[in-house]
């Protein structure tokens, strides 16, 4: 199964007289909470509705939980209903280009049980390069009817990671850049290194150099060391860049894949948790 669609596919769907497409603009920045809103207001794909990283795709920051904790799920469900999402909607999510923020939104839809949700390959940048229509008009939407089916086993918390990261049946993936993984400096978090036992699978490795998603065969090579029979807990800095890895693993048929939502920024919020800086 593929969770990635092309710009041509989306354009053809939009041109159909009757369609049930809901397009979501998930452009954002990890360092500027206003950037996504400003980009959306300036221009976006016609009919697209913006979901804001800080306001819609993450919850309130507390002592623990990381920089981008999950939103309250009831609130998230009400939000997506309010923007027209129903259980039979075909939801297409895009960000600026590489799919990191779109994948976070995709994961949340996956978590609440939506079965028809996709990431737009190449995002808004690719849409623009195609010369397809854009607009700055924000349209009124009719609320949808969505009944969630929460995937309770799709997440792991700090205690789960501490107990199972080094167990034979569990693999912990760290999706951050290699330098951050090895503790060679971190501009986003006050400590450096990685969770003991974690193996580094940089999330951008699921993309080709031109930013398109790798084929199934190419992704099989990226994750060739992983066993589909094992539980895989995926982390990053704050639960955002872990999501392209999760999406890719799910496309390859890995079933026991979980997100550690708080990820490294949650792990280091507990003073007793140790860090590692060597390759594992």
C-alpha atoms as a PDB file:
ATOM      1  CA  UNK A   1       0.000   0.000   0.000  1.00  0.00           C
ATOM      2  CA  UNK A   2       1.221   3.487  -0.820  1.00  0.00           C
ATOM      3  CA  UNK A   3       0.474   6.509   1.343  1.00  0.00           C
ATOM      4  CA  UNK A   4       2.113   8.912  -1.112  1.00  0.00           C
ATOM      5  CA  UNK A   5       0.324  10.459  -4.124  1.00  0.00           C
ATOM      6  CA  UNK A   6       1.627  12.588  -6.962  1.00  0.00           C
ATOM      7  CA  UNK A   7       0.646  16.120  -7.910  1.00  0.00           C
ATOM      8  CA  UNK A   8      -0.810  14.816 -11.177  1.00  0.00           C
ATOM      9  CA  UNK A   9      -3.018  12.374  -9.268  1.00  0.00           C
ATOM     10  CA  UNK A  10      -4.309  15.141  -7.019  1.00  0.00           C
ATOM     11  CA  UNK A  11      -4.956  17.489  -9.942  1.00  0.00           C
ATOM     12  CA  UNK A  12      -6.983  14.821 -11.750  1.00  0.00           C
ATOM     13  CA  UNK A  13      -9.025  14.171  -8.603  1.00  0.00           C
ATOM     14  CA  UNK A  14      -9.680  17.879  -8.135  1.00  0.00           C
ATOM     15  CA  UNK A  15     -10.871  18.156 -11.754  1.00  0.00           C
ATOM     16  CA  UNK A  16     -13.513  15.475 -11.255  1.00  0.00           C
ATOM     17  CA  UNK A  17     -16.998  16.972 -11.037  1.00  0.00           C
ATOM     18  CA  UNK A  18     -17.705  15.008  -7.902  1.00  0.00           C
ATOM     19  CA  UNK A  19     -14.949  14.153  -5.474  1.00  0.00           C
ATOM     20  CA  UNK A  20     -14.548  13.736  -1.752  1.00  0.00           C
ATOM     21  CA  UNK A  21     -11.039  15.182  -1.547  1.00  0.00           C
ATOM     22  CA  UNK A  22     -10.018  17.172   1.518  1.00  0.00           C
ATOM     23  CA  UNK A  23      -6.689  18.942   1.010  1.00  0.00           C
ATOM     24  CA  UNK A  24      -4.670  19.941   4.053  1.00  0.00           C
ATOM     25  CA  UNK A  25      -1.833  22.449   4.096  1.00  0.00           C
ATOM     26  CA  UNK A  26       0.582  21.425   6.863  1.00  0.00           C
ATOM     27  CA  UNK A  27       3.466  23.773   6.081  1.00  0.00           C
ATOM     28  CA  UNK A  28       5.348  24.717   9.240  1.00  0.00           C
ATOM     29  CA  UNK A  29       8.712  25.475  10.803  1.00  0.00           C
ATOM     30  CA  UNK A  30      10.352  24.017  13.892  1.00  0.00           C
ATOM     31  CA  UNK A  31      11.831  27.411  14.740  1.00  0.00           C
ATOM     32  CA  UNK A  32       9.047  29.849  13.750  1.00  0.00           C
ATOM     33  CA  UNK A  33       5.500  29.037  14.853  1.00  0.00           C
ATOM     34  CA  UNK A  34       4.007  31.706  12.574  1.00  0.00           C
ATOM     35  CA  UNK A  35       5.651  30.606   9.341  1.00  0.00           C
ATOM     36  CA  UNK A  36       3.077  27.998   8.336  1.00  0.00           C
ATOM     37  CA  UNK A  37       0.145  30.363   8.789  1.00  0.00           C
ATOM     38  CA  UNK A  38       1.867  33.108   6.830  1.00  0.00           C
ATOM     39  CA  UNK A  39       2.734  30.793   3.947  1.00  0.00           C
ATOM     40  CA  UNK A  40      -0.834  29.512   3.783  1.00  0.00           C
ATOM     41  CA  UNK A  41      -2.365  32.993   3.812  1.00  0.00           C
ATOM     42  CA  UNK A  42      -0.032  34.110   1.036  1.00  0.00           C
ATOM     43  CA  UNK A  43      -0.932  31.224  -1.291  1.00  0.00           C
ATOM     44  CA  UNK A  44      -2.011  27.600  -1.219  1.00  0.00           C
ATOM     45  CA  UNK A  45      -3.562  24.841  -3.305  1.00  0.00           C
ATOM     46  CA  UNK A  46      -7.219  25.676  -4.021  1.00  0.00           C
ATOM     47  CA  UNK A  47      -9.677  24.452  -1.329  1.00  0.00           C
ATOM     48  CA  UNK A  48      -6.800  23.536   1.012  1.00  0.00           C
ATOM     49  CA  UNK A  49      -7.352  24.058   4.735  1.00  0.00           C
ATOM     50  CA  UNK A  50      -4.430  24.825   7.026  1.00  0.00           C
ATOM     51  CA  UNK A  51      -3.622  22.667  10.041  1.00  0.00           C
ATOM     52  CA  UNK A  52      -1.155  24.480  12.241  1.00  0.00           C
ATOM     53  CA  UNK A  53       1.703  22.540  13.828  1.00  0.00           C
ATOM     54  CA  UNK A  54       1.545  24.300  17.200  1.00  0.00           C
ATOM     55  CA  UNK A  55      -2.221  24.699  17.405  1.00  0.00           C
ATOM     56  CA  UNK A  56      -3.575  21.582  15.699  1.00  0.00           C
ATOM     57  CA  UNK A  57      -0.855  18.950  15.274  1.00  0.00           C
ATOM     58  CA  UNK A  58       0.722  19.351  18.725  1.00  0.00           C
ATOM     59  CA  UNK A  59      -0.477  19.968  22.241  1.00  0.00           C
ATOM     60  CA  UNK A  60       0.475  22.194  25.136  1.00  0.00           C
ATOM     61  CA  UNK A  61       4.108  21.991  26.198  1.00  0.00           C
ATOM     62  CA  UNK A  62       4.646  20.857  29.777  1.00  0.00           C
ATOM     63  CA  UNK A  63       7.588  19.697  31.900  1.00  0.00           C
ATOM     64  CA  UNK A  64       7.467  16.297  30.187  1.00  0.00           C
ATOM     65  CA  UNK A  65       6.108  15.258  26.820  1.00  0.00           C
ATOM     66  CA  UNK A  66       8.628  16.925  24.540  1.00  0.00           C
ATOM     67  CA  UNK A  67       8.673  20.031  22.377  1.00  0.00           C
ATOM     68  CA  UNK A  68       5.712  18.917  20.254  1.00  0.00           C
ATOM     69  CA  UNK A  69       3.517  16.627  22.354  1.00  0.00           C
ATOM     70  CA  UNK A  70       0.468  15.043  20.767  1.00  0.00           C
ATOM     71  CA  UNK A  71      -2.652  17.205  20.771  1.00  0.00           C
ATOM     72  CA  UNK A  72      -5.636  16.190  22.859  1.00  0.00           C
ATOM     73  CA  UNK A  73      -7.111  13.568  20.565  1.00  0.00           C
ATOM     74  CA  UNK A  74     -10.748  14.588  21.125  1.00  0.00           C
ATOM     75  CA  UNK A  75      -9.788  18.140  20.175  1.00  0.00           C
ATOM     76  CA  UNK A  76      -7.958  16.930  17.065  1.00  0.00           C
ATOM     77  CA  UNK A  77     -10.948  14.857  15.974  1.00  0.00           C
ATOM     78  CA  UNK A  78     -13.291  17.815  16.377  1.00  0.00           C
ATOM     79  CA  UNK A  79     -10.869  19.970  14.404  1.00  0.00           C
ATOM     80  CA  UNK A  80     -10.669  17.652  11.410  1.00  0.00           C
ATOM     81  CA  UNK A  81     -14.437  17.243  11.406  1.00  0.00           C
ATOM     82  CA  UNK A  82     -14.789  21.030  11.363  1.00  0.00           C
ATOM     83  CA  UNK A  83     -12.653  21.272   8.210  1.00  0.00           C
ATOM     84  CA  UNK A  84     -14.804  18.786   6.329  1.00  0.00           C
ATOM     85  CA  UNK A  85     -13.216  15.420   7.041  1.00  0.00           C
ATOM     86  CA  UNK A  86     -15.488  12.373   7.071  1.00  0.00           C
ATOM     87  CA  UNK A  87     -14.611   8.705   7.288  1.00  0.00           C
ATOM     88  CA  UNK A  88     -14.877   8.300   3.508  1.00  0.00           C
ATOM     89  CA  UNK A  89     -12.928  11.474   2.640  1.00  0.00           C
ATOM     90  CA  UNK A  90      -9.740  11.138   0.636  1.00  0.00           C
ATOM     91  CA  UNK A  91      -7.387  13.320   2.649  1.00  0.00           C
ATOM     92  CA  UNK A  92      -4.276  14.664   0.909  1.00  0.00           C
ATOM     93  CA  UNK A  93      -1.720  16.504   3.036  1.00  0.00           C
ATOM     94  CA  UNK A  94       1.171  18.623   1.837  1.00  0.00           C
ATOM     95  CA  UNK A  95       3.925  20.726   3.334  1.00  0.00           C
ATOM     96  CA  UNK A  96       6.547  22.877   1.640  1.00  0.00           C
ATOM     97  CA  UNK A  97       8.508  20.066  -0.019  1.00  0.00           C
ATOM     98  CA  UNK A  98       9.971  17.107   1.826  1.00  0.00           C
ATOM     99  CA  UNK A  99       6.972  15.652   3.654  1.00  0.00           C
ATOM    100  CA  UNK A 100       8.199  15.891   7.244  1.00  0.00           C
ATOM    101  CA  UNK A 101       5.313  18.002   8.558  1.00  0.00           C
ATOM    102  CA  UNK A 102       2.829  16.368   6.198  1.00  0.00           C
ATOM    103  CA  UNK A 103       3.880  12.994   7.600  1.00  0.00           C
ATOM    104  CA  UNK A 104       3.203  14.204  11.151  1.00  0.00           C
ATOM    105  CA  UNK A 105      -0.338  15.124  10.102  1.00  0.00           C
ATOM    106  CA  UNK A 106      -0.620  11.813   8.209  1.00  0.00           C
ATOM    107  CA  UNK A 107       0.391   9.944  11.374  1.00  0.00           C
ATOM    108  CA  UNK A 108      -2.274  11.685  13.457  1.00  0.00           C
ATOM    109  CA  UNK A 109      -4.951  10.751  10.927  1.00  0.00           C
ATOM    110  CA  UNK A 110      -3.586   7.207  10.958  1.00  0.00           C
ATOM    111  CA  UNK A 111      -3.677   7.222  14.775  1.00  0.00           C
ATOM    112  CA  UNK A 112      -7.352   8.192  14.913  1.00  0.00           C
ATOM    113  CA  UNK A 113      -8.226   5.498  12.402  1.00  0.00           C
ATOM    114  CA  UNK A 114      -8.717   7.351   9.120  1.00  0.00           C
ATOM    115  CA  UNK A 115      -8.180   4.889   6.287  1.00  0.00           C
ATOM    116  CA  UNK A 116      -7.801   7.206   3.278  1.00  0.00           C
ATOM    117  CA  UNK A 117      -5.047   9.675   4.061  1.00  0.00           C
ATOM    118  CA  UNK A 118      -2.037  10.472   1.867  1.00  0.00           C
ATOM    119  CA  UNK A 119       1.028  12.697   1.679  1.00  0.00           C
ATOM    120  CA  UNK A 120       1.517  14.767  -1.481  1.00  0.00           C
ATOM    121  CA  UNK A 121       4.872  13.950  -3.024  1.00  0.00           C
ATOM    122  CA  UNK A 122       7.109  16.993  -3.346  1.00  0.00           C
ATOM    123  CA  UNK A 123       4.583  19.145  -1.510  1.00  0.00           C
ATOM    124  CA  UNK A 124       3.735  22.700  -2.449  1.00  0.00           C
ATOM    125  CA  UNK A 125       7.079  23.201  -4.162  1.00  0.00           C
ATOM    126  CA  UNK A 126       6.350  20.439  -6.670  1.00  0.00           C
ATOM    127  CA  UNK A 127       2.790  21.707  -7.182  1.00  0.00           C
ATOM    128  CA  UNK A 128       4.194  25.139  -8.058  1.00  0.00           C
ATOM    129  CA  UNK A 129       6.793  23.634 -10.402  1.00  0.00           C
ATOM    130  CA  UNK A 130       3.986  21.898 -12.273  1.00  0.00           C
ATOM    131  CA  UNK A 131       2.379  25.265 -12.851  1.00  0.00           C
ATOM    132  CA  UNK A 132      -0.878  24.173 -11.278  1.00  0.00           C
ATOM    133  CA  UNK A 133      -3.351  26.706  -9.892  1.00  0.00           C
ATOM    134  CA  UNK A 134      -2.739  28.384  -6.552  1.00  0.00           C
ATOM    135  CA  UNK A 135      -4.842  30.881  -4.630  1.00  0.00           C
ATOM    136  CA  UNK A 136      -4.911  33.033  -1.524  1.00  0.00           C
ATOM    137  CA  UNK A 137      -8.675  32.624  -1.130  1.00  0.00           C
ATOM    138  CA  UNK A 138      -9.819  30.813   2.005  1.00  0.00           C
ATOM    139  CA  UNK A 139     -13.068  29.020   1.293  1.00  0.00           C
ATOM    140  CA  UNK A 140     -15.869  28.161   3.680  1.00  0.00           C
ATOM    141  CA  UNK A 141     -16.089  24.446   4.408  1.00  0.00           C
ATOM    142  CA  UNK A 142     -18.928  22.153   5.409  1.00  0.00           C
ATOM    143  CA  UNK A 143     -18.234  20.106   8.525  1.00  0.00           C
ATOM    144  CA  UNK A 144     -17.667  16.410   8.050  1.00  0.00           C
ATOM    145  CA  UNK A 145     -18.831  13.368   9.982  1.00  0.00           C
ATOM    146  CA  UNK A 146     -15.941  11.346  11.348  1.00  0.00           C
ATOM    147  CA  UNK A 147     -16.024   8.534  13.892  1.00  0.00           C
ATOM    148  CA  UNK A 148     -12.529   7.805  15.227  1.00  0.00           C
ATOM    149  CA  UNK A 149     -11.039   4.381  15.856  1.00  0.00           C
ATOM    150  CA  UNK A 150      -7.996   5.143  17.992  1.00  0.00           C
ATOM    151  CA  UNK A 151      -4.992   2.867  17.470  1.00  0.00           C
ATOM    152  CA  UNK A 152      -4.040   2.574  21.119  1.00  0.00           C
ATOM    153  CA  UNK A 153      -0.936   0.475  20.397  1.00  0.00           C
ATOM    154  CA  UNK A 154       0.545   2.988  17.921  1.00  0.00           C
ATOM    155  CA  UNK A 155       2.513   4.936  20.547  1.00  0.00           C
ATOM    156  CA  UNK A 156       5.171   4.257  23.157  1.00  0.00           C
ATOM    157  CA  UNK A 157       5.946   6.441  26.169  1.00  0.00           C
ATOM    158  CA  UNK A 158       9.209   7.056  27.983  1.00  0.00           C
ATOM    159  CA  UNK A 159       8.781   4.100  30.321  1.00  0.00           C
ATOM    160  CA  UNK A 160       8.042   1.798  27.372  1.00  0.00           C
ATOM    161  CA  UNK A 161      11.249   2.935  25.693  1.00  0.00           C
ATOM    162  CA  UNK A 162      13.297   2.527  28.868  1.00  0.00           C
ATOM    163  CA  UNK A 163      11.973  -0.995  29.457  1.00  0.00           C
ATOM    164  CA  UNK A 164      12.029  -2.329  25.916  1.00  0.00           C
ATOM    165  CA  UNK A 165      14.624  -0.451  23.864  1.00  0.00           C
ATOM    166  CA  UNK A 166      17.305  -3.048  24.548  1.00  0.00           C
ATOM    167  CA  UNK A 167      15.017  -6.076  24.527  1.00  0.00           C
ATOM    168  CA  UNK A 168      15.543  -8.659  21.790  1.00  0.00           C
ATOM    169  CA  UNK A 169      12.037  -8.110  20.442  1.00  0.00           C
ATOM    170  CA  UNK A 170      12.257  -4.322  20.095  1.00  0.00           C
ATOM    171  CA  UNK A 171      14.280  -1.954  17.912  1.00  0.00           C
ATOM    172  CA  UNK A 172      14.491   1.774  18.662  1.00  0.00           C
ATOM    173  CA  UNK A 173      15.039   4.039  15.658  1.00  0.00           C
ATOM    174  CA  UNK A 174      16.385   7.584  15.994  1.00  0.00           C
ATOM    175  CA  UNK A 175      15.362   9.593  12.914  1.00  0.00           C
ATOM    176  CA  UNK A 176      17.501  12.687  13.526  1.00  0.00           C
ATOM    177  CA  UNK A 177      20.583  13.719  11.523  1.00  0.00           C
ATOM    178  CA  UNK A 178      23.678  11.690  12.349  1.00  0.00           C
ATOM    179  CA  UNK A 179      25.498  14.619  14.011  1.00  0.00           C
ATOM    180  CA  UNK A 180      22.696  15.131  16.520  1.00  0.00           C
ATOM    181  CA  UNK A 181      22.475  11.388  17.097  1.00  0.00           C
ATOM    182  CA  UNK A 182      26.212  11.270  17.908  1.00  0.00           C
ATOM    183  CA  UNK A 183      25.968  14.233  20.259  1.00  0.00           C
ATOM    184  CA  UNK A 184      27.934  16.624  18.046  1.00  0.00           C
ATOM    185  CA  UNK A 185      25.735  19.588  18.926  1.00  0.00           C
ATOM    186  CA  UNK A 186      22.000  20.190  18.936  1.00  0.00           C
ATOM    187  CA  UNK A 187      20.397  23.524  18.079  1.00  0.00           C
ATOM    188  CA  UNK A 188      16.914  22.416  19.127  1.00  0.00           C
ATOM    189  CA  UNK A 189      17.481  20.666  22.451  1.00  0.00           C
ATOM    190  CA  UNK A 190      19.634  21.588  25.481  1.00  0.00           C
ATOM    191  CA  UNK A 191      21.372  18.189  25.610  1.00  0.00           C
ATOM    192  CA  UNK A 192      23.100  16.131  22.929  1.00  0.00           C
ATOM    193  CA  UNK A 193      23.358  12.442  22.178  1.00  0.00           C
ATOM    194  CA  UNK A 194      20.736   9.745  21.827  1.00  0.00           C
ATOM    195  CA  UNK A 195      18.643   7.317  23.815  1.00  0.00           C
ATOM    196  CA  UNK A 196      20.779   4.276  24.709  1.00  0.00           C
ATOM    197  CA  UNK A 197      20.133   1.398  22.340  1.00  0.00           C
ATOM    198  CA  UNK A 198      18.780   3.568  19.511  1.00  0.00           C
ATOM    199  CA  UNK A 199      19.978   3.017  15.955  1.00  0.00           C
ATOM    200  CA  UNK A 200      20.258   5.960  13.584  1.00  0.00           C
ATOM    201  CA  UNK A 201      17.987   5.938  10.497  1.00  0.00           C
ATOM    202  CA  UNK A 202      18.007   9.540   9.263  1.00  0.00           C
ATOM    203  CA  UNK A 203      14.519  10.294   8.020  1.00  0.00           C
ATOM    204  CA  UNK A 204      15.651  11.963   4.781  1.00  0.00           C
ATOM    205  CA  UNK A 205      17.011   8.626   3.623  1.00  0.00           C
ATOM    206  CA  UNK A 206      13.463   7.673   2.588  1.00  0.00           C
ATOM    207  CA  UNK A 207      13.685  10.373  -0.118  1.00  0.00           C
ATOM    208  CA  UNK A 208      15.699  10.559  -3.308  1.00  0.00           C
ATOM    209  CA  UNK A 209      18.016  13.495  -3.967  1.00  0.00           C
ATOM    210  CA  UNK A 210      15.260  15.283  -5.902  1.00  0.00           C
ATOM    211  CA  UNK A 211      12.922  15.021  -2.905  1.00  0.00           C
ATOM    212  CA  UNK A 212      10.639  12.357  -4.342  1.00  0.00           C
ATOM    213  CA  UNK A 213       9.769   9.353  -2.221  1.00  0.00           C
ATOM    214  CA  UNK A 214      11.852   6.253  -2.801  1.00  0.00           C
ATOM    215  CA  UNK A 215      10.251   3.210  -4.411  1.00  0.00           C
ATOM    216  CA  UNK A 216       9.309   0.152  -2.394  1.00  0.00           C
ATOM    217  CA  UNK A 217      12.475  -1.578  -3.564  1.00  0.00           C
ATOM    218  CA  UNK A 218      14.630   1.379  -2.536  1.00  0.00           C
ATOM    219  CA  UNK A 219      12.921   1.601   0.848  1.00  0.00           C
ATOM    220  CA  UNK A 220      13.479  -2.108   1.380  1.00  0.00           C
ATOM    221  CA  UNK A 221      17.188  -1.376   1.022  1.00  0.00           C
ATOM    222  CA  UNK A 222      17.037   1.522   3.496  1.00  0.00           C
ATOM    223  CA  UNK A 223      15.454  -0.693   6.137  1.00  0.00           C
ATOM    224  CA  UNK A 224      17.076  -3.987   5.135  1.00  0.00           C
ATOM    225  CA  UNK A 225      18.504  -4.542   8.630  1.00  0.00           C
ATOM    226  CA  UNK A 226      15.075  -4.506  10.291  1.00  0.00           C
ATOM    227  CA  UNK A 227      12.970  -7.551  11.114  1.00  0.00           C
ATOM    228  CA  UNK A 228       9.245  -7.271  10.412  1.00  0.00           C
ATOM    229  CA  UNK A 229       8.538  -9.602  13.320  1.00  0.00           C
ATOM    230  CA  UNK A 230      10.019  -7.154  15.837  1.00  0.00           C
ATOM    231  CA  UNK A 231       8.430  -4.161  17.501  1.00  0.00           C
ATOM    232  CA  UNK A 232       9.900  -0.916  16.159  1.00  0.00           C
ATOM    233  CA  UNK A 233       9.719   2.275  18.224  1.00  0.00           C
ATOM    234  CA  UNK A 234      10.527   5.350  16.140  1.00  0.00           C
ATOM    235  CA  UNK A 235      11.766   8.580  17.693  1.00  0.00           C
ATOM    236  CA  UNK A 236      13.396  11.841  16.643  1.00  0.00           C
ATOM    237  CA  UNK A 237      13.709  15.191  18.407  1.00  0.00           C
ATOM    238  CA  UNK A 238      10.058  15.844  19.161  1.00  0.00           C
ATOM    239  CA  UNK A 239       7.913  13.360  17.241  1.00  0.00           C
ATOM    240  CA  UNK A 240       7.891  15.155  13.881  1.00  0.00           C
ATOM    241  CA  UNK A 241      10.682  13.775  11.691  1.00  0.00           C
ATOM    242  CA  UNK A 242      10.044  10.267  13.020  1.00  0.00           C
ATOM    243  CA  UNK A 243       6.844  10.207  10.978  1.00  0.00           C
ATOM    244  CA  UNK A 244       8.337   9.883   7.445  1.00  0.00           C
ATOM    245  CA  UNK A 245      10.135   6.785   8.695  1.00  0.00           C
ATOM    246  CA  UNK A 246       6.897   5.411  10.145  1.00  0.00           C
ATOM    247  CA  UNK A 247       5.024   6.095   6.913  1.00  0.00           C
ATOM    248  CA  UNK A 248       7.737   4.317   4.922  1.00  0.00           C
ATOM    249  CA  UNK A 249       7.805   1.314   7.253  1.00  0.00           C
ATOM    250  CA  UNK A 250       4.022   1.004   7.065  1.00  0.00           C
ATOM    251  CA  UNK A 251       4.188   1.090   3.253  1.00  0.00           C
ATOM    252  CA  UNK A 252       6.641  -1.823   3.436  1.00  0.00           C
ATOM    253  CA  UNK A 253       4.252  -3.873   5.539  1.00  0.00           C
ATOM    254  CA  UNK A 254       5.842  -3.431   8.963  1.00  0.00           C
ATOM    255  CA  UNK A 255       2.972  -3.796  11.422  1.00  0.00           C
ATOM    256  CA  UNK A 256       4.514  -3.355  14.872  1.00  0.00           C
ATOM    257  CA  UNK A 257       5.588   0.258  14.393  1.00  0.00           C
ATOM    258  CA  UNK A 258       5.123   2.802  17.164  1.00  0.00           C
ATOM    259  CA  UNK A 259       5.851   6.495  17.568  1.00  0.00           C
ATOM    260  CA  UNK A 260       7.536   7.784  20.710  1.00  0.00           C
ATOM    261  CA  UNK A 261       5.717  11.136  20.575  1.00  0.00           C
ATOM    262  CA  UNK A 262       7.943  13.012  23.003  1.00  0.00           C
ATOM    263  CA  UNK A 263      11.096  11.493  21.550  1.00  0.00           C
ATOM    264  CA  UNK A 264      14.520  12.864  22.558  1.00  0.00           C
ATOM    265  CA  UNK A 265      13.123  16.128  23.947  1.00  0.00           C
ATOM    266  CA  UNK A 266      10.916  14.147  26.319  1.00  0.00           C
ATOM    267  CA  UNK A 267      13.679  11.680  27.218  1.00  0.00           C
ATOM    268  CA  UNK A 268      16.030  14.441  28.367  1.00  0.00           C
ATOM    269  CA  UNK A 269      13.305  16.059  30.482  1.00  0.00           C
ATOM    270  CA  UNK A 270      13.874  13.264  32.999  1.00  0.00           C
ATOM    271  CA  UNK A 271      17.113  14.037  34.822  1.00  0.00           C
ATOM    272  CA  UNK A 272      17.925  10.401  35.596  1.00  0.00           C
ATOM    273  CA  UNK A 273      17.777   9.264  31.958  1.00  0.00           C
ATOM    274  CA  UNK A 274      21.215   8.597  30.526  1.00  0.00           C
ATOM    275  CA  UNK A 275      22.464   9.487  27.059  1.00  0.00           C
ATOM    276  CA  UNK A 276      24.750   7.761  24.598  1.00  0.00           C
ATOM    277  CA  UNK A 277      26.991   9.280  21.925  1.00  0.00           C
ATOM    278  CA  UNK A 278      28.508   6.237  20.221  1.00  0.00           C
ATOM    279  CA  UNK A 279      27.184   4.425  17.168  1.00  0.00           C
ATOM    280  CA  UNK A 280      24.835   1.550  18.000  1.00  0.00           C
END
